[in-house]
Amino acid sequence: METNAQLELDNQVCFALYACAREVTKLYRPFLDELGITYTQYVTLLALWEKDGVPVKELGGRLYLDSGTLTPLLKKLEGSGLIHRERDPQDERSVLVRLTDKGREMKMSAVPIPERVFCQINMPHEELAQLLGQLHKLTSSLHADGCHAEDC
């Protein structure tokens, strides 16, 4: 690729992923506004609806969030009465995140959201499923200790 073409915005994988993520997140906004939560709070609740009572560290790893981002997020969810944090009785150094009754009940209101968002995406279901698989593969590839800057 020519040097100038390498620096064109439309040729950047990072920008394509960033722009797409922003546009998809915008589709969620009206539905999440109905629930009174942000997108980041939504994905946190999704993780907890899958597995409740997890250590903060495990939750951060699942969401790819560092503690500087996760701690204020959890404080807001706790302030909204959707979760509570408690010391792990098995390991006092660890803090567990648990859904409250209100947090568990919100799941029923969230069930239609993925389908409502999908209806706004103008792509066949098969293509979207294929894209999802490719994104998971890319994330795994990046997360694994593969290519380092000094090797490329």
Protein backbone atom coordinates (compact mmCIF):
# COMPACT_ATOMS: atom_id res chain seq x y z
CA MET A 1 0.00 0.00 0.00
CA GLU A 2 1.30 3.46 -0.86
CA THR A 3 2.44 5.47 2.19
CA ASN A 4 -0.24 8.14 1.79
CA ALA A 5 -2.95 5.49 1.36
CA GLN A 6 -1.77 3.82 4.58
CA LEU A 7 -2.61 7.00 6.44
CA GLU A 8 -6.06 7.56 4.94
CA LEU A 9 -8.77 7.40 7.57
CA ASP A 10 -10.94 5.02 5.57
CA ASN A 11 -8.05 2.51 5.40
CA GLN A 12 -7.75 2.27 9.20
CA VAL A 13 -9.22 -0.85 10.81
CA CYS A 14 -9.24 0.97 14.15
CA PHE A 15 -11.37 3.79 12.77
CA ALA A 16 -13.82 1.46 10.98
CA LEU A 17 -14.35 -0.46 14.25
CA TYR A 18 -14.62 2.76 16.27
CA ALA A 19 -17.14 4.39 13.91
CA CYS A 20 -19.21 1.21 13.66
CA ALA A 21 -19.23 0.74 17.44
CA ARG A 22 -20.43 4.31 17.93
CA GLU A 23 -23.23 3.88 15.39
CA VAL A 24 -24.37 0.57 16.91
CA THR A 25 -24.27 2.05 20.40
CA LYS A 26 -26.50 4.90 19.17
CA LEU A 27 -29.11 2.33 18.13
CA TYR A 28 -29.27 1.07 21.72
CA ARG A 29 -29.63 4.52 23.29
CA PRO A 30 -33.43 5.01 23.05
CA PHE A 31 -34.13 1.53 24.41
CA LEU A 32 -31.64 1.94 27.26
CA ASP A 33 -33.00 5.40 28.03
CA GLU A 34 -36.35 3.70 28.70
CA LEU A 35 -34.57 1.59 31.33
CA GLY A 36 -32.60 4.55 32.70
CA ILE A 37 -29.19 2.99 32.00
CA THR A 38 -26.21 3.68 29.77
CA TYR A 39 -24.74 1.29 27.21
CA THR A 40 -21.82 0.42 29.50
CA GLN A 41 -24.22 -0.26 32.36
CA TYR A 42 -26.26 -2.45 29.99
CA VAL A 43 -23.32 -4.65 29.01
CA THR A 44 -22.36 -4.92 32.68
CA LEU A 45 -25.87 -6.10 33.50
CA LEU A 46 -25.77 -8.53 30.56
CA ALA A 47 -22.63 -10.09 32.06
CA LEU A 48 -24.26 -10.31 35.50
CA TRP A 49 -27.48 -11.80 34.09
CA GLU A 50 -25.29 -14.55 32.62
CA LYS A 51 -23.32 -15.08 35.83
CA ASP A 52 -24.21 -13.34 39.08
CA GLY A 53 -22.02 -12.99 42.16
CA VAL A 54 -18.71 -12.56 40.35
CA PRO A 55 -15.54 -10.94 41.62
CA VAL A 56 -14.96 -7.39 40.39
CA LYS A 57 -11.72 -8.50 38.74
CA GLU A 58 -13.48 -11.26 36.77
CA LEU A 59 -16.25 -8.88 35.70
CA GLY A 60 -13.68 -6.33 34.51
CA GLY A 61 -11.93 -9.02 32.49
CA ARG A 62 -15.18 -10.17 30.92
CA LEU A 63 -16.05 -6.60 29.92
CA TYR A 64 -12.49 -5.58 28.95
CA LEU A 65 -12.71 -2.71 31.46
CA ASP A 66 -9.97 -1.57 33.81
CA SER A 67 -10.71 -0.81 37.46
CA GLY A 68 -10.59 2.96 36.82
CA THR A 69 -13.59 2.60 34.51
CA LEU A 70 -15.34 -0.27 36.27
CA THR A 71 -15.36 1.15 39.82
CA PRO A 72 -17.36 4.33 39.02
CA LEU A 73 -19.66 2.26 36.79
CA LEU A 74 -20.39 -0.16 39.63
CA LYS A 75 -20.94 2.73 42.05
CA LYS A 76 -23.61 4.16 39.72
CA LEU A 77 -25.31 0.77 39.31
CA GLU A 78 -25.23 0.34 43.08
CA GLY A 79 -26.64 3.84 43.57
CA SER A 80 -29.48 2.92 41.19
CA GLY A 81 -30.23 -0.12 43.31
CA LEU A 82 -29.42 -2.61 40.54
CA ILE A 83 -26.38 -4.27 42.13
CA HIS A 84 -24.61 -4.47 45.44
CA ARG A 85 -20.99 -5.21 46.24
CA GLU A 86 -19.81 -7.29 49.15
CA ARG A 87 -16.60 -8.81 50.38
CA ASP A 88 -16.15 -12.45 49.40
CA PRO A 89 -16.50 -14.45 52.63
CA GLN A 90 -14.00 -16.98 51.17
CA ASP A 91 -11.43 -14.30 50.31
CA GLU A 92 -11.69 -10.93 52.07
CA ARG A 93 -9.42 -9.34 49.43
CA SER A 94 -12.03 -9.96 46.74
CA VAL A 95 -15.24 -8.00 46.20
CA LEU A 96 -18.24 -9.77 44.68
CA VAL A 97 -20.82 -8.04 42.49
CA ARG A 98 -24.38 -9.29 42.88
CA LEU A 99 -27.63 -8.26 41.26
CA THR A 100 -30.38 -6.95 43.51
CA ASP A 101 -33.99 -8.00 43.00
CA LYS A 102 -34.45 -4.80 40.99
CA GLY A 103 -31.43 -5.70 38.84
CA ARG A 104 -32.76 -9.21 38.19
CA GLU A 105 -36.22 -7.84 37.38
CA MET A 106 -34.77 -5.41 34.82
CA LYS A 107 -33.73 -8.39 32.71
CA MET A 108 -37.34 -8.95 31.62
CA SER A 109 -37.52 -5.37 30.33
CA ALA A 110 -34.25 -5.84 28.45
CA VAL A 111 -35.19 -9.08 26.66
CA PRO A 112 -36.62 -7.35 23.54
CA ILE A 113 -33.69 -4.94 23.10
CA PRO A 114 -31.40 -7.11 20.91
CA GLU A 115 -34.22 -7.85 18.47
CA ARG A 116 -35.31 -4.20 18.39
CA VAL A 117 -31.74 -3.19 17.57
CA PHE A 118 -31.33 -5.95 14.98
CA CYS A 119 -34.46 -4.70 13.19
CA GLN A 120 -32.71 -1.37 12.63
CA ILE A 121 -29.58 -2.92 11.13
CA ASN A 122 -30.02 -3.35 7.40
CA MET A 123 -28.11 -6.64 7.09
CA PRO A 124 -29.30 -10.20 6.63
CA HIS A 125 -29.18 -12.26 9.83
CA GLU A 126 -26.59 -14.64 8.32
CA GLU A 127 -24.21 -11.80 7.45
CA LEU A 128 -24.58 -10.29 10.90
CA ALA A 129 -23.88 -13.68 12.52
CA GLN A 130 -20.80 -14.06 10.32
CA LEU A 131 -19.61 -10.57 11.28
CA LEU A 132 -20.12 -11.38 14.97
CA GLY A 133 -17.97 -14.48 14.56
CA GLN A 134 -15.25 -12.48 12.82
CA LEU A 135 -15.30 -9.85 15.56
CA HIS A 136 -14.97 -12.54 18.25
CA LYS A 137 -12.07 -14.04 16.31
CA LEU A 138 -10.37 -10.63 15.99
CA THR A 139 -10.84 -9.91 19.69
CA SER A 140 -9.38 -13.29 20.62
CA SER A 141 -6.47 -12.73 18.29
CA LEU A 142 -5.75 -9.33 19.79
CA HIS A 143 -6.20 -10.57 23.35
CA ALA A 144 -3.84 -13.50 22.84
CA ASP A 145 -0.19 -12.57 23.07
CA GLY A 146 0.24 -12.71 19.30
CA CYS A 147 1.91 -9.92 17.36
CA HIS A 148 3.82 -7.31 19.33
CA ALA A 149 4.79 -3.93 17.91
CA GLU A 150 8.45 -4.82 17.96
CA ASP A 151 7.76 -7.94 15.86
CA CYS A 152 5.85 -6.15 13.08
